[in-house]
Each structure stands twice: as C-alpha cells, then as structure tokens.
N, C-alpha and C. Protein backbone atom coordinates (compact mmCIF):
# COMPACT_ATOMS: atom_id res chain seq x y z
N MET A 1 80.87 21.44 97.18
CA MET A 1 79.68 20.93 97.30
C MET A 1 79.79 19.63 97.92
N SER A 2 79.20 19.13 99.09
CA SER A 2 79.42 17.94 99.88
C SER A 2 78.40 17.00 99.26
N ALA A 3 78.72 15.87 99.52
CA ALA A 3 77.97 14.74 98.89
C ALA A 3 76.84 14.46 99.96
N ARG A 4 75.62 14.06 99.42
CA ARG A 4 74.51 13.75 100.32
C ARG A 4 74.04 12.25 100.31
N TYR A 5 73.70 11.94 101.34
CA TYR A 5 73.37 10.50 101.57
C TYR A 5 72.05 10.36 102.34
N ARG A 6 71.55 9.20 102.42
CA ARG A 6 70.23 8.83 103.28
C ARG A 6 70.29 7.50 104.08
N ALA A 7 69.95 7.58 105.41
CA ALA A 7 69.88 6.51 105.96
C ALA A 7 68.78 6.05 106.86
N VAL A 8 68.66 4.93 107.35
CA VAL A 8 67.36 4.49 108.12
C VAL A 8 68.13 4.14 109.39
N ALA A 9 67.39 4.62 110.62
CA ALA A 9 67.88 4.05 111.97
C ALA A 9 66.66 3.69 112.53
N GLU A 10 66.74 2.21 112.81
CA GLU A 10 65.77 1.55 113.44
C GLU A 10 66.20 1.09 114.89
N ARG A 11 65.17 1.09 115.64
CA ARG A 11 65.33 0.57 116.97
C ARG A 11 65.29 -1.06 116.91
N ASN A 12 66.02 -1.68 117.51
CA ASN A 12 66.36 -3.02 117.52
C ASN A 12 66.62 -3.76 119.04
N GLY A 13 65.95 -3.76 120.01
CA GLY A 13 66.12 -3.76 121.43
C GLY A 13 66.68 -2.93 121.93
N ASP A 14 68.08 -3.05 122.66
CA ASP A 14 68.82 -1.92 123.07
C ASP A 14 69.80 -1.22 122.03
N TRP A 15 69.42 -1.57 120.94
CA TRP A 15 70.35 -1.04 119.80
C TRP A 15 69.63 -0.11 118.73
N TRP A 16 70.36 0.93 118.08
CA TRP A 16 69.72 1.41 117.11
C TRP A 16 70.59 0.86 115.70
N GLU A 17 69.88 0.28 114.79
CA GLU A 17 70.66 -0.24 113.52
C GLU A 17 70.53 0.89 112.56
N VAL A 18 71.72 1.00 111.95
CA VAL A 18 71.89 2.04 111.12
C VAL A 18 72.39 1.61 109.64
N GLU A 19 71.34 1.76 108.73
CA GLU A 19 71.59 1.40 107.14
C GLU A 19 71.81 2.43 106.45
N ILE A 20 72.77 2.60 105.55
CA ILE A 20 72.86 3.57 104.42
C ILE A 20 71.98 3.20 103.24
N THR A 21 70.80 4.01 102.91
CA THR A 21 70.10 3.45 102.14
C THR A 21 70.39 4.12 100.50
N SER A 22 71.09 5.11 100.48
CA SER A 22 71.12 6.01 99.38
C SER A 22 72.42 6.79 99.49
N GLY A 23 73.18 6.76 98.20
CA GLY A 23 74.34 7.57 97.95
C GLY A 23 75.66 6.97 97.87
N LEU A 24 75.58 5.63 98.18
CA LEU A 24 76.60 4.61 98.13
C LEU A 24 76.74 4.14 96.71
N PRO A 25 77.80 3.49 96.16
CA PRO A 25 77.89 2.78 94.90
C PRO A 25 76.89 1.53 95.18
N PRO A 26 76.44 1.10 94.20
CA PRO A 26 75.55 -0.22 94.05
C PRO A 26 76.05 -1.45 94.78
N ASN A 27 77.41 -1.46 94.59
CA ASN A 27 78.09 -2.85 95.11
C ASN A 27 78.64 -2.44 96.47
N MET A 28 78.13 -1.44 97.25
CA MET A 28 78.57 -1.25 98.60
C MET A 28 77.20 -1.15 99.45
N LEU A 29 77.50 -2.03 100.72
CA LEU A 29 76.54 -1.87 101.64
C LEU A 29 76.81 -1.31 103.12
N GLY A 30 76.33 -0.39 103.60
CA GLY A 30 76.86 0.49 104.63
C GLY A 30 75.74 0.02 105.90
N VAL A 31 76.21 -0.61 106.72
CA VAL A 31 75.41 -0.79 108.05
C VAL A 31 76.32 -0.98 109.36
N SER A 32 75.63 -0.41 110.31
CA SER A 32 76.53 -0.28 111.59
C SER A 32 75.12 -0.28 112.57
N GLN A 33 75.77 0.03 113.93
CA GLN A 33 74.65 0.14 115.15
C GLN A 33 75.34 0.99 116.13
N THR A 34 74.57 1.41 116.93
CA THR A 34 74.81 2.30 117.97
C THR A 34 73.74 2.15 119.17
N ARG A 35 74.20 2.44 120.48
CA ARG A 35 73.29 2.31 121.29
C ARG A 35 72.62 3.47 121.72
N CYS A 36 73.07 4.69 121.19
CA CYS A 36 72.39 5.93 121.43
C CYS A 36 71.79 6.62 120.30
N LYS A 37 70.69 7.00 120.14
CA LYS A 37 69.81 7.52 119.03
C LYS A 37 70.76 9.06 118.72
N GLY A 38 71.47 9.54 119.51
CA GLY A 38 72.04 11.03 119.39
C GLY A 38 73.33 10.45 118.58
N ASP A 39 73.75 9.36 118.55
CA ASP A 39 75.04 8.75 117.81
C ASP A 39 74.83 8.49 116.28
N VAL A 40 73.33 8.35 115.96
CA VAL A 40 73.23 7.81 114.70
C VAL A 40 73.61 8.71 113.47
N GLU A 41 73.73 9.94 113.49
CA GLU A 41 74.20 10.78 112.40
C GLU A 41 75.84 10.44 112.33
N ARG A 42 76.41 10.27 113.38
CA ARG A 42 77.89 10.41 113.39
C ARG A 42 78.23 8.94 112.89
N VAL A 43 77.71 7.81 113.25
CA VAL A 43 77.76 6.72 112.94
C VAL A 43 77.63 6.45 111.46
N ALA A 44 76.58 7.07 110.91
CA ALA A 44 76.31 6.89 109.47
C ALA A 44 77.46 7.53 108.51
N GLN A 45 77.88 8.92 109.22
CA GLN A 45 78.97 9.41 108.38
C GLN A 45 80.22 8.80 108.30
N THR A 46 80.53 8.04 109.63
CA THR A 46 81.50 7.27 109.74
C THR A 46 81.54 6.15 108.80
N VAL A 47 80.56 5.51 108.84
CA VAL A 47 80.51 4.33 107.87
C VAL A 47 80.80 4.67 106.28
N ILE A 48 79.99 5.81 105.90
CA ILE A 48 80.13 6.42 104.68
C ILE A 48 81.57 6.71 104.46
N ALA A 49 82.31 7.41 105.38
CA ALA A 49 83.59 7.73 105.21
C ALA A 49 84.52 6.74 105.05
N GLU A 50 84.34 5.45 106.06
CA GLU A 50 85.33 4.44 105.88
C GLU A 50 85.12 3.64 104.44
N LEU A 51 83.94 3.73 104.07
CA LEU A 51 83.65 2.68 102.82
C LEU A 51 84.21 3.41 101.57
N LEU A 52 84.09 4.86 101.45
CA LEU A 52 84.68 5.56 100.40
C LEU A 52 85.78 6.16 100.67
N ASP A 53 86.42 5.86 101.72
CA ASP A 53 87.89 6.49 102.17
C ASP A 53 87.96 7.86 101.78
N ILE A 54 87.09 8.55 102.38
CA ILE A 54 86.94 10.02 102.64
C ILE A 54 86.90 10.51 103.87
N GLU A 55 87.19 11.99 104.20
CA GLU A 55 86.78 12.41 105.42
C GLU A 55 85.27 12.67 105.62
N PRO A 56 85.01 12.14 107.24
CA PRO A 56 83.46 12.49 107.24
C PRO A 56 83.07 13.86 107.32
N ASP A 57 83.90 14.86 107.69
CA ASP A 57 83.48 16.35 107.46
C ASP A 57 82.76 16.63 106.21
N GLY A 58 81.78 17.24 106.11
CA GLY A 58 80.79 17.59 104.84
C GLY A 58 80.18 16.56 104.52
N ILE A 59 79.95 15.30 104.90
CA ILE A 59 79.06 14.28 104.50
C ILE A 59 77.52 14.66 105.30
N GLU A 60 76.85 14.78 104.25
CA GLU A 60 75.53 15.09 104.93
C GLU A 60 74.73 14.00 104.76
N VAL A 61 73.89 13.56 105.79
CA VAL A 61 73.06 12.47 105.93
C VAL A 61 71.76 12.65 106.45
N GLU A 62 70.85 12.39 105.58
CA GLU A 62 69.37 12.52 106.13
C GLU A 62 68.83 11.17 106.82
N ILE A 63 68.48 11.48 107.94
CA ILE A 63 68.13 10.13 108.55
C ILE A 63 66.53 10.15 108.68
N ASP A 64 66.26 8.86 108.42
CA ASP A 64 64.71 8.34 108.60
C ASP A 64 64.80 7.66 109.74
N VAL A 65 64.31 7.81 111.07
CA VAL A 65 64.13 7.21 112.19
C VAL A 65 62.81 6.46 112.27
N ARG A 66 62.76 5.11 112.53
CA ARG A 66 61.59 4.35 112.46
C ARG A 66 61.82 3.32 113.73
N GLN A 67 60.60 3.22 114.35
CA GLN A 67 60.70 2.29 115.58
C GLN A 67 60.60 1.00 115.03
N ALA A 68 60.77 -0.08 115.92
CA ALA A 68 60.68 -1.42 115.62
C ALA A 68 59.50 -1.93 115.18
N SER A 69 58.32 -1.16 115.46
CA SER A 69 56.94 -1.52 115.19
C SER A 69 56.45 -1.23 113.72
N GLU A 70 57.30 -0.36 113.07
CA GLU A 70 57.34 -0.03 111.62
C GLU A 70 57.88 -0.97 110.67
N ARG A 71 58.72 -1.79 111.28
CA ARG A 71 59.62 -2.66 110.56
C ARG A 71 58.59 -4.05 110.35
N GLY A 72 57.66 -4.37 111.00
CA GLY A 72 56.90 -5.62 110.93
C GLY A 72 57.31 -6.59 111.85
N PRO A 73 56.75 -7.71 112.14
CA PRO A 73 56.93 -8.72 112.77
C PRO A 73 58.64 -9.42 112.46
N THR A 74 59.02 -9.66 113.80
CA THR A 74 60.55 -10.26 113.75
C THR A 74 60.57 -11.72 114.00
N ALA A 75 60.95 -12.53 112.88
CA ALA A 75 61.10 -14.01 113.58
C ALA A 75 62.00 -14.30 114.28
N VAL A 76 61.90 -15.12 115.41
CA VAL A 76 62.83 -15.66 116.47
C VAL A 76 62.79 -17.04 116.13
N ALA A 77 64.08 -17.67 116.02
CA ALA A 77 64.15 -19.08 116.01
C ALA A 77 64.54 -19.66 117.39
C-alpha cells in the first residue's frame, strides 16, 4: 500500500508554489516551486521523498490547484 499526501499548487507570477498540506509528520514543512503546472505532481513527490528519505515511486499526491485570486490580496512592501 502506498502512502497518500495532499498538496496545494498556487500560481504566483511566473511560478507555481507547491505546499504539502497533509501526510507529512507535524514537524515537517514541504514547500517548493516550479514554472510548469504540469510538473506540480512530480515536484510534490520529490519534496515528500526527500523529506522522508524514501523513493518517489508509489507516492500518491492529491493536488488542489488554486489561482492567485483565491489566495486573497498580497501585500507588497
């Protein structure tokens, strides 16, 4: 049986921010980015694999894709 994880992919300018939101131990934070929406799942699998020191094969990630407007206003200093 493979492990299951959830991630949020959110557009921010030219990049997709990828955050692992479920499945990691509470003391771990998994965040990365990619330019291509099509790479989001692979990036999420890689982040999880590197944090847990496991092979990315068999890692199932449910991706919630959000547009920047769903995040709310962003403050710029």
